[in-house]
Amino acid sequence: MITLDEMSLGNSILTIKNMTDSKRTNSKKDYNFKHFKIQNHMSKIAAVDGSNHAIPGVNFVIAALRSGYLIYQDGELIEEHISKIKLETLINSNDTQAGFLKVYKDYFYSLTGEIPEEYLEFDKAAERLRSIMEWKNISDLVESLDRGDIVVFDGSFISGAISTNRLFFETLVSKAKDKGISLVGLSKDTSLSVDNVPIPSLLREAAKNQSISKNWYVEIPEEDTYFVNFTKESDLIFRVDIVHPDEEELETVLSKVGAYAFSDLMIGYLYPMQRIHDEVRISEMDKQICFEILKHQWIANSNPKNTEELMDVISEFDELFFNYHKQLDIISSGR
């Protein structure tokens, strides 16, 4: 039987009540909902995403990383590039030759040509490596796409490793605008809020109060971003960061992107983004297979001469990945 601390439970209920009361109050304000038309087009839409998993060791993790992109035109997939799964060993150490920061700096430098200046926590390292791989795809797409085309990626402009290097980001944006290419960051989740109320929840309620019956976007100038609902058939709301060339209006970019939000499987969300998410996703089974391949290679490279040496090699490997906390969970689940 689970028992909860009554005071903390009561505080949680009070906090949620304050949030819902704030939502009701703020949703009555007059938000500037703007409609944009959805239309088919021949521009290319490139969808970028990545995935990472951590295989924990004693003082390190093996980061399993994959990224890629899909390019669509006239509703059809015309090109795809999905990377093989990369395994990077990240040691929880500040050692300049073997620690996790060495790997991170190498990735960062290979993309930006500079060394990162900000402090990076060990727990965030794998996620940052994946982010850099995604931005490498974005950079490559800016080089290869044409005027009127759009690159859509999962996340916002200010998140991840690239926000710490304004020169790289601004150079990439300038090149994209010069070539007539738009960059769109599409965030499914956001920490942005008004009086502690998540903005999507607030706008969803405000749209009902204002009887908004069409797809819409709302600018949040304080954050230099937008929130978008691509179709009235769905109440899904996304944060959208957009950089577009001067000759192409914001509504035109939203119209092109929105043309891919009408799949029967995921109405209201871009199906190229759903597809690339599935393609790059590293599942728990994938992670386990990666671990088994790693272990098999370790044994093969150790070249044991007999059964006794083989058992020593396996024991040495398993010791590096032994986690007593996980062992306790296994013991507890069996009781």
C-alpha atoms as a PDB file:
ATOM      1  CA  MET A   1       0.000   0.000   0.000  1.00  0.00           C
ATOM      2  CA  ILE A   2       1.471   3.348  -1.052  1.00  0.00           C
ATOM      3  CA  THR A   3       1.132   6.260   1.351  1.00  0.00           C
ATOM      4  CA  LEU A   4       1.691   9.891   0.408  1.00  0.00           C
ATOM      5  CA  ASP A   5       2.769  12.817   2.518  1.00  0.00           C
ATOM      6  CA  GLU A   6      -0.484  14.758   2.972  1.00  0.00           C
ATOM      7  CA  MET A   7       1.105  18.217   3.135  1.00  0.00           C
ATOM      8  CA  SER A   8       3.053  17.841  -0.126  1.00  0.00           C
ATOM      9  CA  LEU A   9      -0.024  16.315  -1.805  1.00  0.00           C
ATOM     10  CA  GLY A  10      -2.101  19.285  -0.667  1.00  0.00           C
ATOM     11  CA  ASN A  11       0.521  21.728  -1.946  1.00  0.00           C
ATOM     12  CA  SER A  12       0.520  20.017  -5.342  1.00  0.00           C
ATOM     13  CA  ILE A  13      -3.271  20.259  -5.568  1.00  0.00           C
ATOM     14  CA  LEU A  14      -3.126  23.955  -4.618  1.00  0.00           C
ATOM     15  CA  THR A  15      -0.430  24.669  -7.218  1.00  0.00           C
ATOM     16  CA  ILE A  16      -2.450  22.986  -9.980  1.00  0.00           C
ATOM     17  CA  LYS A  17      -5.570  24.897  -8.895  1.00  0.00           C
ATOM     18  CA  ASN A  18      -3.673  28.184  -9.106  1.00  0.00           C
ATOM     19  CA  MET A  19      -2.550  27.259 -12.615  1.00  0.00           C
ATOM     20  CA  THR A  20      -6.074  26.428 -13.790  1.00  0.00           C
ATOM     21  CA  ASP A  21      -7.442  29.633 -12.219  1.00  0.00           C
ATOM     22  CA  SER A  22      -4.714  31.623 -13.956  1.00  0.00           C
ATOM     23  CA  LYS A  23      -5.568  29.927 -17.267  1.00  0.00           C
ATOM     24  CA  ARG A  24      -9.226  30.915 -16.958  1.00  0.00           C
ATOM     25  CA  THR A  25      -8.284  34.519 -16.215  1.00  0.00           C
ATOM     26  CA  ASN A  26      -5.607  34.953 -18.877  1.00  0.00           C
ATOM     27  CA  SER A  27      -7.563  33.104 -21.580  1.00  0.00           C
ATOM     28  CA  LYS A  28     -10.182  35.864 -21.488  1.00  0.00           C
ATOM     29  CA  LYS A  29      -7.680  38.346 -22.882  1.00  0.00           C
ATOM     30  CA  ASP A  30      -7.981  39.285 -26.555  1.00  0.00           C
ATOM     31  CA  TYR A  31      -5.228  37.333 -28.345  1.00  0.00           C
ATOM     32  CA  ASN A  32      -4.469  38.241 -31.945  1.00  0.00           C
ATOM     33  CA  PHE A  33      -5.332  34.976 -33.728  1.00  0.00           C
ATOM     34  CA  LYS A  34      -4.429  35.200 -37.422  1.00  0.00           C
ATOM     35  CA  HIS A  35      -5.691  32.809 -40.084  1.00  0.00           C
ATOM     36  CA  PHE A  36      -3.497  31.462 -42.891  1.00  0.00           C
ATOM     37  CA  LYS A  37      -4.577  29.464 -45.924  1.00  0.00           C
ATOM     38  CA  ILE A  38      -3.260  25.977 -46.611  1.00  0.00           C
ATOM     39  CA  GLN A  39      -2.349  25.250 -50.213  1.00  0.00           C
ATOM     40  CA  ASN A  40      -0.483  22.586 -52.177  1.00  0.00           C
ATOM     41  CA  HIS A  41       2.854  23.586 -53.675  1.00  0.00           C
ATOM     42  CA  MET A  42       5.948  22.212 -55.442  1.00  0.00           C
ATOM     43  CA  SER A  43       8.543  23.439 -52.944  1.00  0.00           C
ATOM     44  CA  LYS A  44      10.607  20.833 -51.145  1.00  0.00           C
ATOM     45  CA  ILE A  45      10.044  20.218 -47.442  1.00  0.00           C
ATOM     46  CA  ALA A  46      12.954  18.651 -45.549  1.00  0.00           C
ATOM     47  CA  ALA A  47      12.231  17.069 -42.155  1.00  0.00           C
ATOM     48  CA  VAL A  48      15.138  16.669 -39.691  1.00  0.00           C
ATOM     49  CA  ASP A  49      15.267  14.763 -36.417  1.00  0.00           C
ATOM     50  CA  GLY A  50      17.546  12.666 -34.228  1.00  0.00           C
ATOM     51  CA  SER A  51      17.534  10.171 -31.384  1.00  0.00           C
ATOM     52  CA  ASN A  52      19.815   9.161 -28.537  1.00  0.00           C
ATOM     53  CA  HIS A  53      19.955   6.446 -25.890  1.00  0.00           C
ATOM     54  CA  ALA A  54      22.398   5.880 -23.051  1.00  0.00           C
ATOM     55  CA  ILE A  55      23.878   2.512 -22.147  1.00  0.00           C
ATOM     56  CA  PRO A  56      25.145   3.168 -18.583  1.00  0.00           C
ATOM     57  CA  GLY A  57      28.454   1.869 -17.290  1.00  0.00           C
ATOM     58  CA  VAL A  58      30.072   2.365 -13.894  1.00  0.00           C
ATOM     59  CA  ASN A  59      31.525   5.845 -14.514  1.00  0.00           C
ATOM     60  CA  PHE A  60      30.609   6.270 -18.163  1.00  0.00           C
ATOM     61  CA  VAL A  61      27.822   5.848 -20.683  1.00  0.00           C
ATOM     62  CA  ILE A  62      27.794   4.511 -24.210  1.00  0.00           C
ATOM     63  CA  ALA A  63      25.754   7.054 -26.160  1.00  0.00           C
ATOM     64  CA  ALA A  64      23.808   5.510 -29.036  1.00  0.00           C
ATOM     65  CA  LEU A  65      23.130   8.292 -31.559  1.00  0.00           C
ATOM     66  CA  ARG A  66      21.275   8.538 -34.853  1.00  0.00           C
ATOM     67  CA  SER A  67      20.032  11.428 -36.979  1.00  0.00           C
ATOM     68  CA  GLY A  68      18.751  12.001 -40.469  1.00  0.00           C
ATOM     69  CA  TYR A  69      16.412  13.807 -42.821  1.00  0.00           C
ATOM     70  CA  LEU A  70      13.648  13.147 -45.338  1.00  0.00           C
ATOM     71  CA  ILE A  71      12.834  15.398 -48.289  1.00  0.00           C
ATOM     72  CA  TYR A  72       9.293  15.628 -49.641  1.00  0.00           C
ATOM     73  CA  GLN A  73       7.960  17.301 -52.766  1.00  0.00           C
ATOM     74  CA  ASP A  74       4.357  17.454 -53.923  1.00  0.00           C
ATOM     75  CA  GLY A  75       3.396  15.170 -51.060  1.00  0.00           C
ATOM     76  CA  GLU A  76       5.865  12.422 -51.996  1.00  0.00           C
ATOM     77  CA  LEU A  77       9.101  11.283 -50.374  1.00  0.00           C
ATOM     78  CA  ILE A  78      11.899  11.966 -52.890  1.00  0.00           C
ATOM     79  CA  GLU A  79      15.071  11.599 -50.804  1.00  0.00           C
ATOM     80  CA  GLU A  80      16.147  10.184 -47.462  1.00  0.00           C
ATOM     81  CA  HIS A  81      19.333  10.131 -45.458  1.00  0.00           C
ATOM     82  CA  ILE A  82      19.368   8.181 -42.183  1.00  0.00           C
ATOM     83  CA  SER A  83      22.713   7.733 -40.433  1.00  0.00           C
ATOM     84  CA  LYS A  84      23.962   4.493 -38.995  1.00  0.00           C
ATOM     85  CA  ILE A  85      23.804   4.307 -35.203  1.00  0.00           C
ATOM     86  CA  LYS A  86      26.951   5.808 -33.699  1.00  0.00           C
ATOM     87  CA  LEU A  87      28.293   4.587 -30.349  1.00  0.00           C
ATOM     88  CA  GLU A  88      30.282   7.186 -28.393  1.00  0.00           C
ATOM     89  CA  THR A  89      31.878   6.368 -25.034  1.00  0.00           C
ATOM     90  CA  LEU A  90      31.400   9.291 -22.662  1.00  0.00           C
ATOM     91  CA  ILE A  91      33.479   9.079 -19.476  1.00  0.00           C
ATOM     92  CA  ASN A  92      32.300  11.112 -16.500  1.00  0.00           C
ATOM     93  CA  SER A  93      35.639  12.838 -16.101  1.00  0.00           C
ATOM     94  CA  ASN A  94      37.172  16.223 -16.850  1.00  0.00           C
ATOM     95  CA  ASP A  95      40.259  14.555 -18.309  1.00  0.00           C
ATOM     96  CA  THR A  96      41.137  16.613 -21.372  1.00  0.00           C
ATOM     97  CA  GLN A  97      42.139  13.542 -23.405  1.00  0.00           C
ATOM     98  CA  ALA A  98      39.514  10.962 -22.398  1.00  0.00           C
ATOM     99  CA  GLY A  99      36.652  12.766 -20.635  1.00  0.00           C
ATOM    100  CA  PHE A 100      33.212  13.401 -22.139  1.00  0.00           C
ATOM    101  CA  LEU A 101      34.050  17.061 -22.798  1.00  0.00           C
ATOM    102  CA  LYS A 102      36.737  15.983 -25.273  1.00  0.00           C
ATOM    103  CA  VAL A 103      34.148  14.149 -27.389  1.00  0.00           C
ATOM    104  CA  TYR A 104      31.705  17.043 -27.125  1.00  0.00           C
ATOM    105  CA  LYS A 105      34.310  19.612 -28.133  1.00  0.00           C
ATOM    106  CA  ASP A 106      35.349  17.507 -31.130  1.00  0.00           C
ATOM    107  CA  TYR A 107      31.726  17.296 -32.335  1.00  0.00           C
ATOM    108  CA  PHE A 108      31.146  20.996 -31.745  1.00  0.00           C
ATOM    109  CA  TYR A 109      34.338  22.050 -33.499  1.00  0.00           C
ATOM    110  CA  SER A 110      33.665  19.839 -36.517  1.00  0.00           C
ATOM    111  CA  LEU A 111      30.401  21.723 -37.084  1.00  0.00           C
ATOM    112  CA  THR A 112      31.138  25.296 -36.020  1.00  0.00           C
ATOM    113  CA  GLY A 113      34.915  25.567 -36.305  1.00  0.00           C
ATOM    114  CA  GLU A 114      35.033  26.856 -32.736  1.00  0.00           C
ATOM    115  CA  ILE A 115      35.398  25.456 -29.207  1.00  0.00           C
ATOM    116  CA  PRO A 116      32.269  25.643 -26.998  1.00  0.00           C
ATOM    117  CA  GLU A 117      32.588  28.069 -24.129  1.00  0.00           C
ATOM    118  CA  GLU A 118      29.677  27.068 -21.901  1.00  0.00           C
ATOM    119  CA  TYR A 119      29.769  24.505 -19.105  1.00  0.00           C
ATOM    120  CA  LEU A 120      28.151  21.206 -20.043  1.00  0.00           C
ATOM    121  CA  GLU A 121      26.764  18.756 -17.502  1.00  0.00           C
ATOM    122  CA  PHE A 122      27.621  15.110 -18.050  1.00  0.00           C
ATOM    123  CA  ASP A 123      23.946  14.083 -18.082  1.00  0.00           C
ATOM    124  CA  LYS A 124      23.316  16.407 -21.058  1.00  0.00           C
ATOM    125  CA  ALA A 125      26.275  15.257 -23.176  1.00  0.00           C
ATOM    126  CA  ALA A 126      24.531  12.587 -25.270  1.00  0.00           C
ATOM    127  CA  GLU A 127      21.633  14.920 -26.016  1.00  0.00           C
ATOM    128  CA  ARG A 128      24.045  17.651 -27.120  1.00  0.00           C
ATOM    129  CA  LEU A 129      25.896  15.296 -29.466  1.00  0.00           C
ATOM    130  CA  ARG A 130      22.595  14.338 -31.075  1.00  0.00           C
ATOM    131  CA  SER A 131      21.684  18.020 -31.419  1.00  0.00           C
ATOM    132  CA  ILE A 132      24.967  18.735 -33.198  1.00  0.00           C
ATOM    133  CA  MET A 133      24.302  15.850 -35.597  1.00  0.00           C
ATOM    134  CA  GLU A 134      20.883  17.337 -36.368  1.00  0.00           C
ATOM    135  CA  TRP A 135      22.340  20.783 -37.039  1.00  0.00           C
ATOM    136  CA  LYS A 136      24.901  19.206 -39.352  1.00  0.00           C
ATOM    137  CA  ASN A 137      21.958  17.857 -41.363  1.00  0.00           C
ATOM    138  CA  ILE A 138      20.338  21.297 -41.368  1.00  0.00           C
ATOM    139  CA  SER A 139      23.577  22.885 -42.571  1.00  0.00           C
ATOM    140  CA  ASP A 140      23.929  20.312 -45.355  1.00  0.00           C
ATOM    141  CA  LEU A 141      20.332  20.882 -46.453  1.00  0.00           C
ATOM    142  CA  VAL A 142      20.846  24.651 -46.658  1.00  0.00           C
ATOM    143  CA  GLU A 143      23.699  23.930 -49.063  1.00  0.00           C
ATOM    144  CA  SER A 144      21.667  21.560 -51.260  1.00  0.00           C
ATOM    145  CA  LEU A 145      18.106  22.944 -51.315  1.00  0.00           C
ATOM    146  CA  ASP A 146      16.751  25.641 -53.616  1.00  0.00           C
ATOM    147  CA  ARG A 147      14.815  28.886 -53.417  1.00  0.00           C
ATOM    148  CA  GLY A 148      11.371  28.450 -51.872  1.00  0.00           C
ATOM    149  CA  ASP A 149      12.290  25.221 -50.057  1.00  0.00           C
ATOM    150  CA  ILE A 150      11.890  24.731 -46.294  1.00  0.00           C
ATOM    151  CA  VAL A 151      13.847  22.870 -43.613  1.00  0.00           C
ATOM    152  CA  VAL A 152      11.737  21.753 -40.635  1.00  0.00           C
ATOM    153  CA  PHE A 153      13.410  20.351 -37.534  1.00  0.00           C
ATOM    154  CA  ASP A 154      12.278  19.154 -34.133  1.00  0.00           C
ATOM    155  CA  GLY A 155      12.953  21.799 -31.479  1.00  0.00           C
ATOM    156  CA  SER A 156      13.467  25.536 -31.138  1.00  0.00           C
ATOM    157  CA  PHE A 157      16.201  27.893 -32.310  1.00  0.00           C
ATOM    158  CA  ILE A 158      17.357  28.621 -28.763  1.00  0.00           C
ATOM    159  CA  SER A 159      17.757  25.053 -27.519  1.00  0.00           C
ATOM    160  CA  GLY A 160      20.737  22.727 -27.649  1.00  0.00           C
ATOM    161  CA  ALA A 161      24.374  23.300 -28.451  1.00  0.00           C
ATOM    162  CA  ILE A 162      23.975  25.738 -31.308  1.00  0.00           C
ATOM    163  CA  SER A 163      22.405  28.479 -29.187  1.00  0.00           C
ATOM    164  CA  THR A 164      25.824  28.875 -27.539  1.00  0.00           C
ATOM    165  CA  ASN A 165      27.474  29.742 -30.837  1.00  0.00           C
ATOM    166  CA  ARG A 166      25.715  32.724 -32.338  1.00  0.00           C
ATOM    167  CA  LEU A 167      28.252  33.109 -35.152  1.00  0.00           C
ATOM    168  CA  PHE A 168      27.500  29.679 -36.596  1.00  0.00           C
ATOM    169  CA  PHE A 169      23.736  30.152 -36.246  1.00  0.00           C
ATOM    170  CA  GLU A 170      23.696  33.641 -37.706  1.00  0.00           C
ATOM    171  CA  THR A 171      25.938  32.593 -40.606  1.00  0.00           C
ATOM    172  CA  LEU A 172      23.653  29.657 -41.359  1.00  0.00           C
ATOM    173  CA  VAL A 173      20.548  31.870 -41.177  1.00  0.00           C
ATOM    174  CA  SER A 174      22.150  34.442 -43.480  1.00  0.00           C
ATOM    175  CA  LYS A 175      23.060  31.777 -46.022  1.00  0.00           C
ATOM    176  CA  ALA A 176      19.559  30.273 -45.899  1.00  0.00           C
ATOM    177  CA  LYS A 177      17.899  33.668 -46.432  1.00  0.00           C
ATOM    178  CA  ASP A 178      20.265  34.529 -49.294  1.00  0.00           C
ATOM    179  CA  LYS A 179      19.342  31.244 -51.007  1.00  0.00           C
ATOM    180  CA  GLY A 180      15.615  31.804 -50.390  1.00  0.00           C
ATOM    181  CA  ILE A 181      15.337  28.887 -47.932  1.00  0.00           C
ATOM    182  CA  SER A 182      13.196  29.007 -44.783  1.00  0.00           C
ATOM    183  CA  LEU A 183      14.143  27.361 -41.473  1.00  0.00           C
ATOM    184  CA  VAL A 184      11.353  26.189 -39.194  1.00  0.00           C
ATOM    185  CA  GLY A 185      11.801  24.875 -35.657  1.00  0.00           C
ATOM    186  CA  LEU A 186       8.721  22.893 -34.628  1.00  0.00           C
ATOM    187  CA  SER A 187       8.421  22.191 -30.893  1.00  0.00           C
ATOM    188  CA  LYS A 188       5.894  19.678 -29.592  1.00  0.00           C
ATOM    189  CA  ASP A 189       6.655  20.728 -26.012  1.00  0.00           C
ATOM    190  CA  THR A 190       7.593  24.129 -24.668  1.00  0.00           C
ATOM    191  CA  SER A 191       8.531  25.649 -21.323  1.00  0.00           C
ATOM    192  CA  LEU A 192       7.148  29.061 -22.303  1.00  0.00           C
ATOM    193  CA  SER A 193       4.296  30.175 -20.073  1.00  0.00           C
ATOM    194  CA  VAL A 194       2.189  33.148 -18.989  1.00  0.00           C
ATOM    195  CA  ASP A 195       1.644  33.436 -15.222  1.00  0.00           C
ATOM    196  CA  ASN A 196       2.859  29.827 -14.890  1.00  0.00           C
ATOM    197  CA  VAL A 197       0.354  28.551 -17.469  1.00  0.00           C
ATOM    198  CA  PRO A 198       1.810  26.750 -20.527  1.00  0.00           C
ATOM    199  CA  ILE A 199       1.118  28.924 -23.556  1.00  0.00           C
ATOM    200  CA  PRO A 200      -0.452  26.123 -25.681  1.00  0.00           C
ATOM    201  CA  SER A 201      -2.988  25.401 -22.932  1.00  0.00           C
ATOM    202  CA  LEU A 202      -3.720  29.091 -22.574  1.00  0.00           C
ATOM    203  CA  LEU A 203      -4.210  29.668 -26.311  1.00  0.00           C
ATOM    204  CA  ARG A 204      -6.366  26.567 -26.653  1.00  0.00           C
ATOM    205  CA  GLU A 205      -8.765  27.999 -24.071  1.00  0.00           C
ATOM    206  CA  ALA A 206      -8.565  31.516 -25.552  1.00  0.00           C
ATOM    207  CA  ALA A 207      -9.413  30.190 -29.047  1.00  0.00           C
ATOM    208  CA  LYS A 208     -12.574  28.633 -27.612  1.00  0.00           C
ATOM    209  CA  ASN A 209     -13.482  31.871 -25.836  1.00  0.00           C
ATOM    210  CA  GLN A 210     -13.003  33.865 -29.044  1.00  0.00           C
ATOM    211  CA  SER A 211     -14.856  31.246 -31.132  1.00  0.00           C
ATOM    212  CA  ILE A 212     -11.925  30.784 -33.505  1.00  0.00           C
ATOM    213  CA  SER A 213     -13.128  28.323 -36.147  1.00  0.00           C
ATOM    214  CA  LYS A 214     -10.151  28.255 -38.534  1.00  0.00           C
ATOM    215  CA  ASN A 215      -6.498  27.307 -38.318  1.00  0.00           C
ATOM    216  CA  TRP A 216      -4.419  30.082 -36.809  1.00  0.00           C
ATOM    217  CA  TYR A 217      -1.107  31.436 -35.579  1.00  0.00           C
ATOM    218  CA  VAL A 218      -0.336  33.832 -32.733  1.00  0.00           C
ATOM    219  CA  GLU A 219       2.881  35.812 -32.416  1.00  0.00           C
ATOM    220  CA  ILE A 220       4.593  36.002 -29.019  1.00  0.00           C
ATOM    221  CA  PRO A 221       6.866  38.982 -29.687  1.00  0.00           C
ATOM    222  CA  GLU A 222       8.494  38.878 -26.240  1.00  0.00           C
ATOM    223  CA  GLU A 223       9.934  35.461 -27.115  1.00  0.00           C
ATOM    224  CA  ASP A 224      10.382  36.093 -30.862  1.00  0.00           C
ATOM    225  CA  THR A 225       8.312  33.010 -31.662  1.00  0.00           C
ATOM    226  CA  TYR A 226       4.862  31.856 -32.797  1.00  0.00           C
ATOM    227  CA  PHE A 227       2.282  29.311 -31.757  1.00  0.00           C
ATOM    228  CA  VAL A 228       0.403  27.545 -34.523  1.00  0.00           C
ATOM    229  CA  ASN A 229      -2.661  25.369 -34.970  1.00  0.00           C
ATOM    230  CA  PHE A 230      -2.485  23.897 -38.478  1.00  0.00           C
ATOM    231  CA  THR A 231      -6.106  22.759 -38.796  1.00  0.00           C
ATOM    232  CA  LYS A 232      -9.432  23.305 -37.057  1.00  0.00           C
ATOM    233  CA  GLU A 233      -9.885  19.510 -37.141  1.00  0.00           C
ATOM    234  CA  SER A 234      -7.301  19.179 -34.358  1.00  0.00           C
ATOM    235  CA  ASP A 235      -6.536  21.085 -31.164  1.00  0.00           C
ATOM    236  CA  LEU A 236      -2.797  20.372 -31.430  1.00  0.00           C
ATOM    237  CA  ILE A 237      -0.765  23.549 -30.886  1.00  0.00           C
ATOM    238  CA  PHE A 238       2.958  23.871 -31.575  1.00  0.00           C
ATOM    239  CA  ARG A 239       5.625  26.416 -30.910  1.00  0.00           C
ATOM    240  CA  VAL A 240       7.101  27.454 -34.260  1.00  0.00           C
ATOM    241  CA  ASP A 241      10.340  29.407 -34.723  1.00  0.00           C
ATOM    242  CA  ILE A 242      10.720  30.709 -38.271  1.00  0.00           C
ATOM    243  CA  VAL A 243      13.458  32.328 -40.327  1.00  0.00           C
ATOM    244  CA  HIS A 244      12.312  33.147 -43.849  1.00  0.00           C
ATOM    245  CA  PRO A 245      13.750  35.102 -46.792  1.00  0.00           C
ATOM    246  CA  ASP A 246      12.579  38.669 -47.229  1.00  0.00           C
ATOM    247  CA  GLU A 247      10.706  37.886 -50.445  1.00  0.00           C
ATOM    248  CA  GLU A 248       8.551  35.191 -48.816  1.00  0.00           C
ATOM    249  CA  GLU A 249       5.851  36.102 -46.301  1.00  0.00           C
ATOM    250  CA  LEU A 250       5.443  34.304 -42.981  1.00  0.00           C
ATOM    251  CA  GLU A 251       1.966  33.144 -44.003  1.00  0.00           C
ATOM    252  CA  THR A 252       3.387  31.604 -47.181  1.00  0.00           C
ATOM    253  CA  VAL A 253       5.850  29.507 -45.180  1.00  0.00           C
ATOM    254  CA  LEU A 254       3.122  28.393 -42.752  1.00  0.00           C
ATOM    255  CA  SER A 255       0.901  27.547 -45.719  1.00  0.00           C
ATOM    256  CA  LYS A 256       3.566  25.332 -47.284  1.00  0.00           C
ATOM    257  CA  VAL A 257       4.360  23.594 -44.010  1.00  0.00           C
ATOM    258  CA  GLY A 258       0.677  23.188 -43.145  1.00  0.00           C
ATOM    259  CA  ALA A 259       0.031  21.347 -46.413  1.00  0.00           C
ATOM    260  CA  TYR A 260       1.721  18.333 -44.781  1.00  0.00           C
ATOM    261  CA  ALA A 261      -0.462  18.357 -41.641  1.00  0.00           C
ATOM    262  CA  PHE A 262      -3.406  16.387 -43.037  1.00  0.00           C
ATOM    263  CA  SER A 263      -2.377  12.755 -42.811  1.00  0.00           C
ATOM    264  CA  ASP A 264      -5.156  10.464 -41.565  1.00  0.00           C
ATOM    265  CA  LEU A 265      -2.659   8.934 -39.143  1.00  0.00           C
ATOM    266  CA  MET A 266      -1.701  12.252 -37.525  1.00  0.00           C
ATOM    267  CA  ILE A 267      -4.131  15.052 -38.366  1.00  0.00           C
ATOM    268  CA  GLY A 268      -2.778  18.427 -37.306  1.00  0.00           C
ATOM    269  CA  TYR A 269       0.896  17.377 -37.187  1.00  0.00           C
ATOM    270  CA  LEU A 270       3.370  17.238 -40.066  1.00  0.00           C
ATOM    271  CA  TYR A 271       3.565  13.642 -41.289  1.00  0.00           C
ATOM    272  CA  PRO A 272       7.145  14.099 -42.589  1.00  0.00           C
ATOM    273  CA  MET A 273       8.106  14.917 -38.992  1.00  0.00           C
ATOM    274  CA  GLN A 274       6.267  11.852 -37.722  1.00  0.00           C
ATOM    275  CA  ARG A 275       7.997   9.737 -40.366  1.00  0.00           C
ATOM    276  CA  ILE A 276      11.511  11.024 -39.631  1.00  0.00           C
ATOM    277  CA  HIS A 277      10.890  10.537 -35.909  1.00  0.00           C
ATOM    278  CA  ASP A 278      10.098   6.881 -36.579  1.00  0.00           C
ATOM    279  CA  GLU A 279      13.054   6.438 -38.933  1.00  0.00           C
ATOM    280  CA  VAL A 280      15.728   7.766 -36.565  1.00  0.00           C
ATOM    281  CA  ARG A 281      14.221   6.435 -33.324  1.00  0.00           C
ATOM    282  CA  ILE A 282      16.480   4.117 -31.327  1.00  0.00           C
ATOM    283  CA  SER A 283      14.192   1.752 -29.446  1.00  0.00           C
ATOM    284  CA  GLU A 284      14.975  -0.164 -26.260  1.00  0.00           C
ATOM    285  CA  MET A 285      15.433  -3.254 -28.412  1.00  0.00           C
ATOM    286  CA  ASP A 286      17.827  -1.357 -30.706  1.00  0.00           C
ATOM    287  CA  LYS A 287      19.780  -0.244 -27.651  1.00  0.00           C
ATOM    288  CA  GLN A 288      20.049  -3.807 -26.372  1.00  0.00           C
ATOM    289  CA  ILE A 289      21.191  -5.054 -29.786  1.00  0.00           C
ATOM    290  CA  CYS A 290      23.870  -2.322 -29.835  1.00  0.00           C
ATOM    291  CA  PHE A 291      25.055  -3.489 -26.426  1.00  0.00           C
ATOM    292  CA  GLU A 292      25.213  -7.127 -27.529  1.00  0.00           C
ATOM    293  CA  ILE A 293      27.186  -6.205 -30.670  1.00  0.00           C
ATOM    294  CA  LEU A 294      29.575  -4.149 -28.542  1.00  0.00           C
ATOM    295  CA  LYS A 295      30.052  -7.056 -26.135  1.00  0.00           C
ATOM    296  CA  HIS A 296      30.568  -9.527 -28.983  1.00  0.00           C
ATOM    297  CA  GLN A 297      33.205  -7.251 -30.570  1.00  0.00           C
ATOM    298  CA  TRP A 298      34.952  -6.852 -27.231  1.00  0.00           C
ATOM    299  CA  ILE A 299      35.195 -10.621 -26.827  1.00  0.00           C
ATOM    300  CA  ALA A 300      36.368 -11.101 -30.415  1.00  0.00           C
ATOM    301  CA  ASN A 301      39.038  -8.388 -30.119  1.00  0.00           C
ATOM    302  CA  SER A 302      40.247  -9.843 -26.815  1.00  0.00           C
ATOM    303  CA  ASN A 303      40.907 -13.124 -28.668  1.00  0.00           C
ATOM    304  CA  PRO A 304      40.612 -15.530 -25.686  1.00  0.00           C
ATOM    305  CA  LYS A 305      42.605 -18.737 -26.172  1.00  0.00           C
ATOM    306  CA  ASN A 306      40.512 -21.033 -23.999  1.00  0.00           C
ATOM    307  CA  THR A 307      37.326 -21.223 -21.934  1.00  0.00           C
ATOM    308  CA  GLU A 308      38.988 -19.812 -18.839  1.00  0.00           C
ATOM    309  CA  GLU A 309      40.248 -16.750 -20.707  1.00  0.00           C
ATOM    310  CA  LEU A 310      36.821 -16.341 -22.315  1.00  0.00           C
ATOM    311  CA  MET A 311      35.116 -16.290 -18.917  1.00  0.00           C
ATOM    312  CA  ASP A 312      37.654 -13.734 -17.656  1.00  0.00           C
ATOM    313  CA  VAL A 313      37.030 -11.501 -20.667  1.00  0.00           C
ATOM    314  CA  ILE A 314      33.254 -11.675 -20.197  1.00  0.00           C
ATOM    315  CA  SER A 315      33.575 -11.043 -16.476  1.00  0.00           C
ATOM    316  CA  GLU A 316      35.790  -8.017 -17.062  1.00  0.00           C
ATOM    317  CA  PHE A 317      33.320  -6.559 -19.539  1.00  0.00           C
ATOM    318  CA  ASP A 318      30.255  -7.202 -17.357  1.00  0.00           C
ATOM    319  CA  GLU A 319      31.974  -5.583 -14.379  1.00  0.00           C
ATOM    320  CA  LEU A 320      32.284  -2.307 -16.300  1.00  0.00           C
ATOM    321  CA  PHE A 321      28.505  -2.233 -16.776  1.00  0.00           C
ATOM    322  CA  PHE A 322      27.432  -3.566 -13.365  1.00  0.00           C
ATOM    323  CA  ASN A 323      24.874  -1.286 -11.689  1.00  0.00           C
ATOM    324  CA  TYR A 324      23.946  -2.252  -8.125  1.00  0.00           C
ATOM    325  CA  HIS A 325      21.038   0.181  -8.028  1.00  0.00           C
ATOM    326  CA  LYS A 326      19.550  -1.591 -11.043  1.00  0.00           C
ATOM    327  CA  GLN A 327      20.256  -4.911  -9.335  1.00  0.00           C
ATOM    328  CA  LEU A 328      18.293  -3.752  -6.281  1.00  0.00           C
ATOM    329  CA  ASP A 329      15.341  -2.852  -8.520  1.00  0.00           C
ATOM    330  CA  ILE A 330      15.452  -6.352 -10.020  1.00  0.00           C
ATOM    331  CA  ILE A 331      15.547  -7.937  -6.568  1.00  0.00           C
ATOM    332  CA  SER A 332      12.684  -5.720  -5.366  1.00  0.00           C
ATOM    333  CA  SER A 333      10.488  -6.520  -8.370  1.00  0.00           C
ATOM    334  CA  GLY A 334      10.847 -10.210  -7.585  1.00  0.00           C
ATOM    335  CA  ARG A 335       9.550  -9.893  -4.050  1.00  0.00           C
END
